[in-house]
Amino acid sequence: MPLEGPDVLLYEKKDHIVTITINRPERMNALTIELYDKLDEAWERFNQDDDAFVAIWTAAGFQFSMMCDLKVAADTARFGVGEVKVGRGTPWAIPVLWQMPLPIAFEVLMMGNPVPAQRMYDVGWVNRVVPLDQLMPTAMELAQVLAENAPLSIRCAKEAMYKAMDVGRKEGIEAAKKIYEKVYNSEDAIEGPRAFAEKRKPVWKGR
C-alpha cells in the first residue's frame, strides 16, 4: 500500500519482504524534496518492523543503487553520474571507490557517460543482469533466499563487513567477533541446529 499522500512512493509487504517503489514514471522517477521525505518515512517504517527481513528497492537511480547491498539490473539499464557535464559535484558518489575497481570509478565519475548494465556486472558492481521482464522475479528470488536465512546473522554479517571496510582487516576481525556475539547468544542460534536435526524449516525470531 502507498504511504500517506500522493502515490509517488509505494510500500508493499508480503511475508518478510518489503518492496519500495519510486512511482513517478511521468517524470522518469526524478527526485524531489517530497520524495526524499517519503523515502525517509519508508526506511524508518522498514527499520522499525521486526517482521520485515528484506527490502527490495525498485526504480532507483545511480545514487540510491550505491546504497543497495545486492543489485539486479535489466539488460537495458544504464548507470551514470552526469554532474561533470553540467559543472556540479558528486561527494555522494565517493563510496564507488569501495564498490568497483579504481579505473572504473574514475571512468564513471569523470567521463559522465552512462555505462551499460552488462559492463557494471563485468566489473562486479551488479549481481545479476536479466531481461526486463525477469527483473522483479529475479529480485524476489534473491529476497526470498535472504528472508529464509537467519535475520540476525544477516544483519551482523552486513554490519561486520561495513565495519571492516572502515577500519581495516585486523581491526575489522576484532570488531566482527564482538558484533557476532549477539548471534552466538541468540535464540536463533539454538533454533537453527534444532530445526536441522528435526528436518524442518527454522522459525527465526531475529533475537
C-alpha atoms as a PDB file:
ATOM      1  CA  MET A   1       0.000   0.000   0.000  1.00  0.00           C
ATOM      2  CA  PRO A   2       1.217   3.575  -0.614  1.00  0.00           C
ATOM      3  CA  LEU A   3       2.354   5.814   2.187  1.00  0.00           C
ATOM      4  CA  GLU A   4       0.029   8.666   3.061  1.00  0.00           C
ATOM      5  CA  GLY A   5      -0.245  11.372   0.422  1.00  0.00           C
ATOM      6  CA  PRO A   6       0.292  11.178  -3.367  1.00  0.00           C
ATOM      7  CA  ASP A   7       1.376   7.760  -4.608  1.00  0.00           C
ATOM      8  CA  VAL A   8       4.881   8.907  -5.565  1.00  0.00           C
ATOM      9  CA  LEU A   9       6.285   6.118  -3.396  1.00  0.00           C
ATOM     10  CA  LEU A  10       4.729   2.699  -2.921  1.00  0.00           C
ATOM     11  CA  TYR A  11       5.378   0.495   0.106  1.00  0.00           C
ATOM     12  CA  GLU A  12       4.231  -3.110  -0.048  1.00  0.00           C
ATOM     13  CA  LYS A  13       4.924  -6.011   2.299  1.00  0.00           C
ATOM     14  CA  LYS A  14       4.439  -9.710   1.714  1.00  0.00           C
ATOM     15  CA  ASP A  15       5.619 -12.198   4.295  1.00  0.00           C
ATOM     16  CA  HIS A  16       9.009 -10.860   5.424  1.00  0.00           C
ATOM     17  CA  ILE A  17       9.773  -8.941   2.209  1.00  0.00           C
ATOM     18  CA  VAL A  18       9.078  -5.235   1.659  1.00  0.00           C
ATOM     19  CA  THR A  19       9.049  -3.653  -1.800  1.00  0.00           C
ATOM     20  CA  ILE A  20       9.656   0.095  -2.023  1.00  0.00           C
ATOM     21  CA  THR A  21       8.885   1.578  -5.448  1.00  0.00           C
ATOM     22  CA  ILE A  22       9.558   5.093  -6.703  1.00  0.00           C
ATOM     23  CA  ASN A  23       6.373   5.795  -8.647  1.00  0.00           C
ATOM     24  CA  ARG A  24       6.886   8.826 -10.884  1.00  0.00           C
ATOM     25  CA  PRO A  25       7.048   7.295 -14.385  1.00  0.00           C
ATOM     26  CA  GLU A  26       5.753  10.506 -15.971  1.00  0.00           C
ATOM     27  CA  ARG A  27       8.864  12.269 -14.591  1.00  0.00           C
ATOM     28  CA  MET A  28      11.251   9.355 -15.163  1.00  0.00           C
ATOM     29  CA  ASN A  29      11.312   8.895 -11.365  1.00  0.00           C
ATOM     30  CA  ALA A  30      13.003  12.239 -10.850  1.00  0.00           C
ATOM     31  CA  LEU A  31      13.738  13.024  -7.203  1.00  0.00           C
ATOM     32  CA  THR A  32      12.063  15.818  -5.265  1.00  0.00           C
ATOM     33  CA  ILE A  33      12.218  17.041  -1.676  1.00  0.00           C
ATOM     34  CA  GLU A  34       8.828  15.424  -1.125  1.00  0.00           C
ATOM     35  CA  LEU A  35      10.119  12.111  -2.437  1.00  0.00           C
ATOM     36  CA  TYR A  36      13.204  12.259  -0.223  1.00  0.00           C
ATOM     37  CA  ASP A  37      10.907  12.815   2.771  1.00  0.00           C
ATOM     38  CA  LYS A  38       8.759   9.838   1.825  1.00  0.00           C
ATOM     39  CA  LEU A  39      11.842   7.668   1.345  1.00  0.00           C
ATOM     40  CA  ASP A  40      12.933   8.593   4.868  1.00  0.00           C
ATOM     41  CA  GLU A  41       9.477   7.574   6.113  1.00  0.00           C
ATOM     42  CA  ALA A  42       9.603   4.292   4.194  1.00  0.00           C
ATOM     43  CA  TRP A  43      13.009   3.254   5.512  1.00  0.00           C
ATOM     44  CA  GLU A  44      12.073   4.246   9.043  1.00  0.00           C
ATOM     45  CA  ARG A  45       8.973   2.090   8.714  1.00  0.00           C
ATOM     46  CA  PHE A  46      11.061  -0.820   7.437  1.00  0.00           C
ATOM     47  CA  ASN A  47      13.700  -0.457  10.162  1.00  0.00           C
ATOM     48  CA  GLN A  48      11.049  -0.369  12.892  1.00  0.00           C
ATOM     49  CA  ASP A  49       9.340  -3.535  11.628  1.00  0.00           C
ATOM     50  CA  ASP A  50      10.949  -6.582  13.259  1.00  0.00           C
ATOM     51  CA  ASP A  51       8.953  -8.814  10.904  1.00  0.00           C
ATOM     52  CA  ALA A  52      10.475  -7.195   7.786  1.00  0.00           C
ATOM     53  CA  PHE A  53      13.706  -9.001   6.907  1.00  0.00           C
ATOM     54  CA  VAL A  54      14.478  -7.820   3.360  1.00  0.00           C
ATOM     55  CA  ALA A  55      13.657  -4.730   1.300  1.00  0.00           C
ATOM     56  CA  ILE A  56      13.567  -4.553  -2.496  1.00  0.00           C
ATOM     57  CA  TRP A  57      14.096  -1.002  -3.760  1.00  0.00           C
ATOM     58  CA  THR A  58      12.892  -0.526  -7.337  1.00  0.00           C
ATOM     59  CA  ALA A  59      13.217   2.246  -9.920  1.00  0.00           C
ATOM     60  CA  ALA A  60      16.318   3.608  -8.166  1.00  0.00           C
ATOM     61  CA  GLY A  61      18.842   5.985  -9.906  1.00  0.00           C
ATOM     62  CA  PHE A  62      22.707   5.554  -9.548  1.00  0.00           C
ATOM     63  CA  GLN A  63      22.938   7.338  -6.183  1.00  0.00           C
ATOM     64  CA  PHE A  64      20.469   5.036  -4.471  1.00  0.00           C
ATOM     65  CA  SER A  65      21.852   1.945  -6.194  1.00  0.00           C
ATOM     66  CA  MET A  66      25.117   2.503  -4.337  1.00  0.00           C
ATOM     67  CA  MET A  67      23.225   2.064  -1.071  1.00  0.00           C
ATOM     68  CA  CYS A  68      21.910  -1.386  -2.000  1.00  0.00           C
ATOM     69  CA  ASP A  69      23.741  -4.484  -0.773  1.00  0.00           C
ATOM     70  CA  LEU A  70      22.728  -6.574  -3.794  1.00  0.00           C
ATOM     71  CA  LYS A  71      21.867  -5.201  -7.225  1.00  0.00           C
ATOM     72  CA  VAL A  72      19.743  -6.647 -10.039  1.00  0.00           C
ATOM     73  CA  ALA A  73      19.627  -4.706 -13.307  1.00  0.00           C
ATOM     74  CA  ALA A  74      17.660  -5.036 -16.515  1.00  0.00           C
ATOM     75  CA  ASP A  75      19.825  -5.681 -19.550  1.00  0.00           C
ATOM     76  CA  THR A  76      18.576  -2.372 -20.957  1.00  0.00           C
ATOM     77  CA  ALA A  77      19.647  -0.361 -17.895  1.00  0.00           C
ATOM     78  CA  ARG A  78      22.443   2.191 -17.964  1.00  0.00           C
ATOM     79  CA  PHE A  79      24.168   3.767 -14.964  1.00  0.00           C
ATOM     80  CA  GLY A  80      25.820   7.149 -14.969  1.00  0.00           C
ATOM     81  CA  VAL A  81      26.888  10.178 -12.973  1.00  0.00           C
ATOM     82  CA  GLY A  82      26.481  13.179 -15.265  1.00  0.00           C
ATOM     83  CA  GLU A  83      27.326  16.043 -12.919  1.00  0.00           C
ATOM     84  CA  VAL A  84      30.708  16.663 -14.593  1.00  0.00           C
ATOM     85  CA  LYS A  85      28.855  17.618 -17.760  1.00  0.00           C
ATOM     86  CA  VAL A  86      26.929  20.388 -16.013  1.00  0.00           C
ATOM     87  CA  GLY A  87      29.548  21.671 -13.570  1.00  0.00           C
ATOM     88  CA  ARG A  88      28.157  20.017 -10.443  1.00  0.00           C
ATOM     89  CA  GLY A  89      29.863  17.989  -7.687  1.00  0.00           C
ATOM     90  CA  THR A  90      29.365  14.390  -6.560  1.00  0.00           C
ATOM     91  CA  PRO A  91      30.549  13.966  -2.946  1.00  0.00           C
ATOM     92  CA  TRP A  92      27.812  11.353  -2.501  1.00  0.00           C
ATOM     93  CA  ALA A  93      29.485   9.140  -5.126  1.00  0.00           C
ATOM     94  CA  ILE A  94      32.780   8.595  -3.254  1.00  0.00           C
ATOM     95  CA  PRO A  95      31.631   5.136  -1.984  1.00  0.00           C
ATOM     96  CA  VAL A  96      32.150   3.808  -5.532  1.00  0.00           C
ATOM     97  CA  LEU A  97      35.843   3.606  -4.573  1.00  0.00           C
ATOM     98  CA  TRP A  98      34.924   0.667  -2.323  1.00  0.00           C
ATOM     99  CA  GLN A  99      32.476  -0.850  -4.777  1.00  0.00           C
ATOM    100  CA  MET A 100      34.402  -1.113  -8.042  1.00  0.00           C
ATOM    101  CA  PRO A 101      37.990  -1.033  -9.368  1.00  0.00           C
ATOM    102  CA  LEU A 102      39.611   2.406  -9.271  1.00  0.00           C
ATOM    103  CA  PRO A 103      39.902   2.851 -13.069  1.00  0.00           C
ATOM    104  CA  ILE A 104      36.203   2.092 -13.477  1.00  0.00           C
ATOM    105  CA  ALA A 105      35.313   4.506 -10.670  1.00  0.00           C
ATOM    106  CA  PHE A 106      37.296   7.221 -12.436  1.00  0.00           C
ATOM    107  CA  GLU A 107      35.524   6.413 -15.679  1.00  0.00           C
ATOM    108  CA  VAL A 108      32.091   6.653 -14.092  1.00  0.00           C
ATOM    109  CA  LEU A 109      32.774   9.866 -12.151  1.00  0.00           C
ATOM    110  CA  MET A 110      34.961  11.738 -14.664  1.00  0.00           C
ATOM    111  CA  MET A 111      33.572  10.752 -18.058  1.00  0.00           C
ATOM    112  CA  GLY A 112      29.948  11.301 -17.124  1.00  0.00           C
ATOM    113  CA  ASN A 113      28.647   8.873 -19.740  1.00  0.00           C
ATOM    114  CA  PRO A 114      26.009   6.224 -18.946  1.00  0.00           C
ATOM    115  CA  VAL A 115      27.547   2.772 -18.525  1.00  0.00           C
ATOM    116  CA  PRO A 116      25.618  -0.326 -19.710  1.00  0.00           C
ATOM    117  CA  ALA A 117      24.425  -2.734 -17.026  1.00  0.00           C
ATOM    118  CA  GLN A 118      26.441  -5.600 -18.527  1.00  0.00           C
ATOM    119  CA  ARG A 119      29.702  -3.677 -18.065  1.00  0.00           C
ATOM    120  CA  MET A 120      28.781  -2.921 -14.472  1.00  0.00           C
ATOM    121  CA  TYR A 121      28.159  -6.619 -13.991  1.00  0.00           C
ATOM    122  CA  ASP A 122      31.529  -7.463 -15.560  1.00  0.00           C
ATOM    123  CA  VAL A 123      33.349  -5.242 -13.029  1.00  0.00           C
ATOM    124  CA  GLY A 124      31.399  -6.727 -10.126  1.00  0.00           C
ATOM    125  CA  TRP A 125      29.125  -3.795  -9.283  1.00  0.00           C
ATOM    126  CA  VAL A 126      25.894  -5.562 -10.249  1.00  0.00           C
ATOM    127  CA  ASN A 127      24.946  -9.067  -9.043  1.00  0.00           C
ATOM    128  CA  ARG A 128      22.584 -10.026 -11.865  1.00  0.00           C
ATOM    129  CA  VAL A 129      21.718  -8.669 -15.316  1.00  0.00           C
ATOM    130  CA  VAL A 130      18.475 -10.077 -16.698  1.00  0.00           C
ATOM    131  CA  PRO A 131      15.837  -9.288 -19.324  1.00  0.00           C
ATOM    132  CA  LEU A 132      13.453  -6.569 -18.174  1.00  0.00           C
ATOM    133  CA  ASP A 133      10.547  -8.981 -17.693  1.00  0.00           C
ATOM    134  CA  GLN A 134      12.727 -11.042 -15.345  1.00  0.00           C
ATOM    135  CA  LEU A 135      13.864  -8.110 -13.224  1.00  0.00           C
ATOM    136  CA  MET A 136      11.352  -8.338 -10.379  1.00  0.00           C
ATOM    137  CA  PRO A 137      11.142 -12.156 -10.373  1.00  0.00           C
ATOM    138  CA  THR A 138      14.938 -12.315 -10.037  1.00  0.00           C
ATOM    139  CA  ALA A 139      14.998  -9.680  -7.295  1.00  0.00           C
ATOM    140  CA  MET A 140      12.222 -11.521  -5.472  1.00  0.00           C
ATOM    141  CA  GLU A 141      14.112 -14.807  -5.793  1.00  0.00           C
ATOM    142  CA  LEU A 142      17.163 -13.292  -4.120  1.00  0.00           C
ATOM    143  CA  ALA A 143      14.981 -11.645  -1.474  1.00  0.00           C
ATOM    144  CA  GLN A 144      13.272 -14.935  -0.655  1.00  0.00           C
ATOM    145  CA  VAL A 145      16.639 -16.644  -0.133  1.00  0.00           C
ATOM    146  CA  LEU A 146      17.683 -13.845   2.214  1.00  0.00           C
ATOM    147  CA  ALA A 147      14.346 -13.941   4.039  1.00  0.00           C
ATOM    148  CA  GLU A 148      14.729 -17.671   4.691  1.00  0.00           C
ATOM    149  CA  ASN A 149      18.146 -17.186   6.285  1.00  0.00           C
ATOM    150  CA  ALA A 150      18.586 -16.168   9.917  1.00  0.00           C
ATOM    151  CA  PRO A 151      17.872 -12.409  10.000  1.00  0.00           C
ATOM    152  CA  LEU A 152      20.169 -11.668  12.926  1.00  0.00           C
ATOM    153  CA  SER A 153      23.040 -13.475  11.215  1.00  0.00           C
ATOM    154  CA  ILE A 154      22.478 -11.456   8.046  1.00  0.00           C
ATOM    155  CA  ARG A 155      22.313  -8.152   9.911  1.00  0.00           C
ATOM    156  CA  CYS A 156      25.530  -8.903  11.758  1.00  0.00           C
ATOM    157  CA  ALA A 157      27.271 -10.041   8.570  1.00  0.00           C
ATOM    158  CA  LYS A 158      26.380  -6.740   6.937  1.00  0.00           C
ATOM    159  CA  GLU A 159      27.431  -4.738   9.996  1.00  0.00           C
ATOM    160  CA  ALA A 160      30.733  -6.600  10.271  1.00  0.00           C
ATOM    161  CA  MET A 161      31.619  -6.181   6.600  1.00  0.00           C
ATOM    162  CA  TYR A 162      30.920  -2.460   6.563  1.00  0.00           C
ATOM    163  CA  LYS A 163      32.821  -2.027   9.813  1.00  0.00           C
ATOM    164  CA  ALA A 164      35.845  -3.843   8.397  1.00  0.00           C
ATOM    165  CA  MET A 165      35.779  -1.596   5.333  1.00  0.00           C
ATOM    166  CA  ASP A 166      36.003   1.422   7.635  1.00  0.00           C
ATOM    167  CA  VAL A 167      38.736   0.248   9.996  1.00  0.00           C
ATOM    168  CA  GLY A 168      40.809  -2.264   8.010  1.00  0.00           C
ATOM    169  CA  ARG A 169      41.477  -6.011   8.186  1.00  0.00           C
ATOM    170  CA  LYS A 170      42.943  -6.526  11.670  1.00  0.00           C
ATOM    171  CA  GLU A 171      40.592  -4.163  13.478  1.00  0.00           C
ATOM    172  CA  GLY A 172      37.729  -5.462  11.345  1.00  0.00           C
ATOM    173  CA  ILE A 173      38.248  -9.035  12.518  1.00  0.00           C
ATOM    174  CA  GLU A 174      38.247  -7.964  16.154  1.00  0.00           C
ATOM    175  CA  ALA A 175      35.144  -5.851  15.628  1.00  0.00           C
ATOM    176  CA  ALA A 176      33.398  -8.754  13.885  1.00  0.00           C
ATOM    177  CA  LYS A 177      33.990 -11.018  16.912  1.00  0.00           C
ATOM    178  CA  LYS A 178      32.141  -8.538  19.102  1.00  0.00           C
ATOM    179  CA  ILE A 179      29.381  -7.968  16.560  1.00  0.00           C
ATOM    180  CA  TYR A 180      28.734 -11.709  16.220  1.00  0.00           C
ATOM    181  CA  GLU A 181      28.453 -12.259  19.977  1.00  0.00           C
ATOM    182  CA  LYS A 182      24.754 -11.413  19.771  1.00  0.00           C
ATOM    183  CA  VAL A 183      24.351 -14.114  17.118  1.00  0.00           C
ATOM    184  CA  TYR A 184      26.069 -16.799  19.176  1.00  0.00           C
ATOM    185  CA  ASN A 185      23.972 -15.882  22.210  1.00  0.00           C
ATOM    186  CA  SER A 186      20.668 -15.664  20.342  1.00  0.00           C
ATOM    187  CA  GLU A 187      17.587 -17.874  20.338  1.00  0.00           C
ATOM    188  CA  ASP A 188      18.105 -18.318  16.597  1.00  0.00           C
ATOM    189  CA  ALA A 189      21.487 -19.927  17.250  1.00  0.00           C
ATOM    190  CA  ILE A 190      19.596 -22.677  19.114  1.00  0.00           C
ATOM    191  CA  GLU A 191      16.706 -22.847  16.661  1.00  0.00           C
ATOM    192  CA  GLY A 192      18.904 -23.367  13.589  1.00  0.00           C
ATOM    193  CA  PRO A 193      20.612 -26.634  14.633  1.00  0.00           C
ATOM    194  CA  ARG A 194      17.386 -27.858  16.236  1.00  0.00           C
ATOM    195  CA  ALA A 195      15.424 -27.329  13.015  1.00  0.00           C
ATOM    196  CA  PHE A 196      18.170 -29.064  11.021  1.00  0.00           C
ATOM    197  CA  ALA A 197      18.084 -32.077  13.345  1.00  0.00           C
ATOM    198  CA  GLU A 198      14.282 -32.194  13.145  1.00  0.00           C
ATOM    199  CA  LYS A 199      14.372 -31.852   9.339  1.00  0.00           C
ATOM    200  CA  ARG A 200      12.151 -28.781   9.213  1.00  0.00           C
ATOM    201  CA  LYS A 201      12.465 -25.149   8.270  1.00  0.00           C
ATOM    202  CA  PRO A 202      13.662 -22.958  11.142  1.00  0.00           C
ATOM    203  CA  VAL A 203      11.344 -20.389  12.645  1.00  0.00           C
ATOM    204  CA  TRP A 204      13.534 -17.324  13.031  1.00  0.00           C
ATOM    205  CA  LYS A 205      12.840 -14.693  15.677  1.00  0.00           C
ATOM    206  CA  GLY A 206      15.719 -12.376  14.927  1.00  0.00           C
ATOM    207  CA  ARG A 207      16.852 -12.451  18.527  1.00  0.00           C
END
